[in-house]
Amino acid sequence: MILKKELNVVADWRKIDKTDYLLAMERSPIKDIEIKELLKQGLTNKINDREIYMKGIDNSYLYEGYVSFETDRL
């Protein structure tokens, strides 16, 4: 919401590799440049695109290890 509200961008999580993201998150307390670059590559100005929003939810579940949940089945 901060990205959307303040910068008029959102993360398109389909453009961010899960493994790269998780590894960057592990290292971010020491060196945050890697996570910043990953997120920067996934930003889009399509802030009202429902598909990007819903796929972001799907990917958040995927990143947490849940593979059976998909928003398009709702």
N, C-alpha and C. Protein backbone atom coordinates (compact mmCIF):
# COMPACT_ATOMS: atom_id res chain seq x y z
N MET A 1 0.82 -1.20 0.00
CA MET A 1 0.00 0.00 0.00
C MET A 1 0.86 1.27 0.00
N ILE A 2 2.01 1.20 0.65
CA ILE A 2 2.90 2.37 0.68
C ILE A 2 3.37 2.69 -0.73
N LEU A 3 3.78 1.65 -1.47
CA LEU A 3 4.23 1.87 -2.85
C LEU A 3 3.12 2.48 -3.68
N LYS A 4 1.93 1.95 -3.54
CA LYS A 4 0.79 2.43 -4.33
C LYS A 4 0.42 3.86 -3.95
N LYS A 5 0.35 4.11 -2.68
CA LYS A 5 -0.10 5.41 -2.18
C LYS A 5 0.93 6.53 -2.39
N GLU A 6 2.17 6.23 -2.09
CA GLU A 6 3.21 7.26 -2.12
C GLU A 6 3.92 7.40 -3.46
N LEU A 7 4.11 6.27 -4.17
CA LEU A 7 4.91 6.30 -5.40
C LEU A 7 4.12 5.97 -6.67
N ASN A 8 2.84 5.60 -6.50
CA ASN A 8 2.00 5.21 -7.63
C ASN A 8 2.56 4.05 -8.43
N VAL A 9 3.13 3.08 -7.72
CA VAL A 9 3.61 1.83 -8.31
C VAL A 9 3.22 0.68 -7.39
N VAL A 10 3.19 -0.52 -7.95
CA VAL A 10 2.97 -1.73 -7.18
C VAL A 10 3.95 -2.79 -7.66
N ALA A 11 4.16 -3.81 -6.85
CA ALA A 11 5.05 -4.90 -7.25
C ALA A 11 4.25 -5.93 -8.03
N ASP A 12 4.76 -6.29 -9.19
CA ASP A 12 4.20 -7.38 -9.97
C ASP A 12 5.04 -8.61 -9.60
N TRP A 13 4.53 -9.40 -8.67
CA TRP A 13 5.28 -10.50 -8.10
C TRP A 13 5.57 -11.61 -9.09
N ARG A 14 4.89 -11.60 -10.22
CA ARG A 14 5.19 -12.60 -11.26
C ARG A 14 6.57 -12.34 -11.87
N LYS A 15 7.08 -11.14 -11.73
CA LYS A 15 8.38 -10.77 -12.29
C LYS A 15 9.53 -11.00 -11.31
N ILE A 16 9.22 -11.46 -10.10
CA ILE A 16 10.23 -11.63 -9.07
C ILE A 16 10.34 -13.11 -8.72
N ASP A 17 11.50 -13.68 -8.97
CA ASP A 17 11.73 -15.09 -8.71
C ASP A 17 11.69 -15.38 -7.22
N LYS A 18 10.95 -16.43 -6.85
CA LYS A 18 10.77 -16.79 -5.45
C LYS A 18 12.10 -17.06 -4.75
N THR A 19 12.94 -17.87 -5.33
CA THR A 19 14.22 -18.23 -4.71
C THR A 19 15.11 -17.01 -4.54
N ASP A 20 15.19 -16.18 -5.58
CA ASP A 20 16.00 -14.96 -5.49
C ASP A 20 15.47 -14.05 -4.39
N TYR A 21 14.14 -13.93 -4.31
CA TYR A 21 13.52 -13.06 -3.30
C TYR A 21 13.83 -13.57 -1.89
N LEU A 22 13.63 -14.86 -1.67
CA LEU A 22 13.86 -15.40 -0.33
C LEU A 22 15.32 -15.30 0.10
N LEU A 23 16.23 -15.55 -0.84
CA LEU A 23 17.66 -15.40 -0.52
C LEU A 23 18.02 -13.94 -0.22
N ALA A 24 17.46 -13.04 -1.00
CA ALA A 24 17.71 -11.61 -0.78
C ALA A 24 17.14 -11.16 0.56
N MET A 25 15.98 -11.70 0.93
CA MET A 25 15.38 -11.37 2.23
C MET A 25 16.27 -11.83 3.38
N GLU A 26 16.88 -13.01 3.23
CA GLU A 26 17.78 -13.51 4.27
C GLU A 26 18.97 -12.59 4.46
N ARG A 27 19.48 -12.07 3.37
CA ARG A 27 20.68 -11.23 3.43
C ARG A 27 20.37 -9.75 3.68
N SER A 28 19.12 -9.36 3.57
CA SER A 28 18.77 -7.93 3.64
C SER A 28 19.14 -7.23 4.95
N PRO A 29 19.13 -7.89 6.12
CA PRO A 29 19.55 -7.17 7.32
C PRO A 29 21.01 -6.71 7.26
N ILE A 30 21.82 -7.42 6.47
CA ILE A 30 23.23 -7.08 6.36
C ILE A 30 23.48 -6.18 5.16
N LYS A 31 22.86 -6.54 4.04
CA LYS A 31 23.06 -5.78 2.80
C LYS A 31 21.72 -5.74 2.05
N ASP A 32 21.08 -4.58 2.03
CA ASP A 32 19.73 -4.49 1.47
C ASP A 32 19.67 -4.11 -0.02
N ILE A 33 20.80 -3.90 -0.65
CA ILE A 33 20.82 -3.48 -2.05
C ILE A 33 20.21 -4.55 -2.96
N GLU A 34 20.46 -5.82 -2.64
CA GLU A 34 19.96 -6.92 -3.46
C GLU A 34 18.42 -6.96 -3.47
N ILE A 35 17.80 -6.85 -2.32
CA ILE A 35 16.33 -6.89 -2.25
C ILE A 35 15.73 -5.66 -2.91
N LYS A 36 16.40 -4.54 -2.76
CA LYS A 36 15.91 -3.32 -3.41
C LYS A 36 15.91 -3.46 -4.93
N GLU A 37 16.98 -4.03 -5.47
CA GLU A 37 17.07 -4.22 -6.92
C GLU A 37 16.03 -5.21 -7.43
N LEU A 38 15.83 -6.30 -6.70
CA LEU A 38 14.80 -7.27 -7.10
C LEU A 38 13.43 -6.63 -7.15
N LEU A 39 13.10 -5.90 -6.10
CA LEU A 39 11.79 -5.25 -6.06
C LEU A 39 11.66 -4.18 -7.13
N LYS A 40 12.72 -3.45 -7.35
CA LYS A 40 12.71 -2.39 -8.36
C LYS A 40 12.39 -2.96 -9.74
N GLN A 41 12.95 -4.14 -10.05
CA GLN A 41 12.71 -4.77 -11.34
C GLN A 41 11.26 -5.22 -11.51
N GLY A 42 10.58 -5.46 -10.40
CA GLY A 42 9.21 -5.94 -10.46
C GLY A 42 8.15 -4.87 -10.34
N LEU A 43 8.55 -3.62 -10.26
CA LEU A 43 7.57 -2.54 -10.09
C LEU A 43 6.87 -2.20 -11.39
N THR A 44 5.60 -1.85 -11.26
CA THR A 44 4.81 -1.42 -12.41
C THR A 44 3.90 -0.27 -11.98
N ASN A 45 3.51 0.55 -12.92
CA ASN A 45 2.59 1.65 -12.61
C ASN A 45 1.13 1.26 -12.84
N LYS A 46 0.87 0.00 -13.08
CA LYS A 46 -0.50 -0.49 -13.27
C LYS A 46 -1.15 -0.72 -11.90
N ILE A 47 -1.34 0.36 -11.17
CA ILE A 47 -1.77 0.26 -9.78
C ILE A 47 -3.22 -0.19 -9.61
N ASN A 48 -4.01 -0.13 -10.64
CA ASN A 48 -5.41 -0.55 -10.54
C ASN A 48 -5.69 -1.84 -11.30
N ASP A 49 -4.65 -2.54 -11.70
CA ASP A 49 -4.80 -3.79 -12.44
C ASP A 49 -5.16 -4.92 -11.47
N ARG A 50 -6.38 -5.41 -11.57
CA ARG A 50 -6.87 -6.44 -10.66
C ARG A 50 -6.05 -7.73 -10.77
N GLU A 51 -5.64 -8.09 -11.98
CA GLU A 51 -4.88 -9.33 -12.17
C GLU A 51 -3.54 -9.27 -11.43
N ILE A 52 -2.86 -8.13 -11.51
CA ILE A 52 -1.59 -7.97 -10.79
C ILE A 52 -1.82 -8.11 -9.29
N TYR A 53 -2.88 -7.50 -8.80
CA TYR A 53 -3.21 -7.58 -7.37
C TYR A 53 -3.49 -9.02 -6.95
N MET A 54 -4.33 -9.71 -7.71
CA MET A 54 -4.71 -11.08 -7.36
C MET A 54 -3.52 -12.04 -7.49
N LYS A 55 -2.70 -11.88 -8.51
CA LYS A 55 -1.53 -12.73 -8.67
C LYS A 55 -0.51 -12.45 -7.55
N GLY A 56 -0.51 -11.24 -7.04
CA GLY A 56 0.34 -10.92 -5.89
C GLY A 56 -0.07 -11.72 -4.66
N ILE A 57 -1.38 -11.89 -4.49
CA ILE A 57 -1.88 -12.71 -3.38
C ILE A 57 -1.46 -14.17 -3.61
N ASP A 58 -1.66 -14.66 -4.84
CA ASP A 58 -1.25 -16.03 -5.16
C ASP A 58 0.23 -16.25 -4.85
N ASN A 59 1.06 -15.32 -5.27
CA ASN A 59 2.50 -15.48 -5.07
C ASN A 59 2.87 -15.38 -3.60
N SER A 60 2.16 -14.58 -2.83
CA SER A 60 2.47 -14.51 -1.40
C SER A 60 2.21 -15.85 -0.74
N TYR A 61 1.15 -16.53 -1.15
CA TYR A 61 0.90 -17.88 -0.63
C TYR A 61 1.96 -18.86 -1.11
N LEU A 62 2.34 -18.76 -2.38
CA LEU A 62 3.37 -19.63 -2.94
C LEU A 62 4.69 -19.45 -2.19
N TYR A 63 5.06 -18.20 -1.93
CA TYR A 63 6.32 -17.92 -1.24
C TYR A 63 6.31 -18.48 0.18
N GLU A 64 5.12 -18.61 0.76
CA GLU A 64 5.01 -19.16 2.11
C GLU A 64 4.90 -20.69 2.10
N GLY A 65 4.85 -21.28 0.89
CA GLY A 65 4.82 -22.73 0.80
C GLY A 65 3.46 -23.33 0.54
N TYR A 66 2.44 -22.50 0.37
CA TYR A 66 1.10 -23.00 0.07
C TYR A 66 0.90 -23.02 -1.44
N VAL A 67 0.71 -24.20 -2.00
CA VAL A 67 0.61 -24.29 -3.46
C VAL A 67 -0.79 -24.62 -3.94
N SER A 68 -1.71 -24.94 -3.05
CA SER A 68 -3.04 -25.34 -3.48
C SER A 68 -4.03 -24.18 -3.58
N PHE A 69 -3.64 -22.99 -3.14
CA PHE A 69 -4.54 -21.84 -3.14
C PHE A 69 -4.27 -20.97 -4.36
N GLU A 70 -5.33 -20.69 -5.14
CA GLU A 70 -5.21 -19.78 -6.28
C GLU A 70 -6.46 -18.90 -6.31
N THR A 71 -6.26 -17.60 -6.43
CA THR A 71 -7.37 -16.67 -6.39
C THR A 71 -8.32 -16.80 -7.56
N ASP A 72 -7.86 -17.28 -8.70
CA ASP A 72 -8.76 -17.39 -9.85
C ASP A 72 -9.79 -18.50 -9.68
N ARG A 73 -9.64 -19.31 -8.64
CA ARG A 73 -10.63 -20.35 -8.35
C ARG A 73 -11.72 -19.85 -7.40
N LEU A 74 -11.61 -18.64 -6.92
CA LEU A 74 -12.62 -18.11 -5.98
C LEU A 74 -13.92 -17.82 -6.69
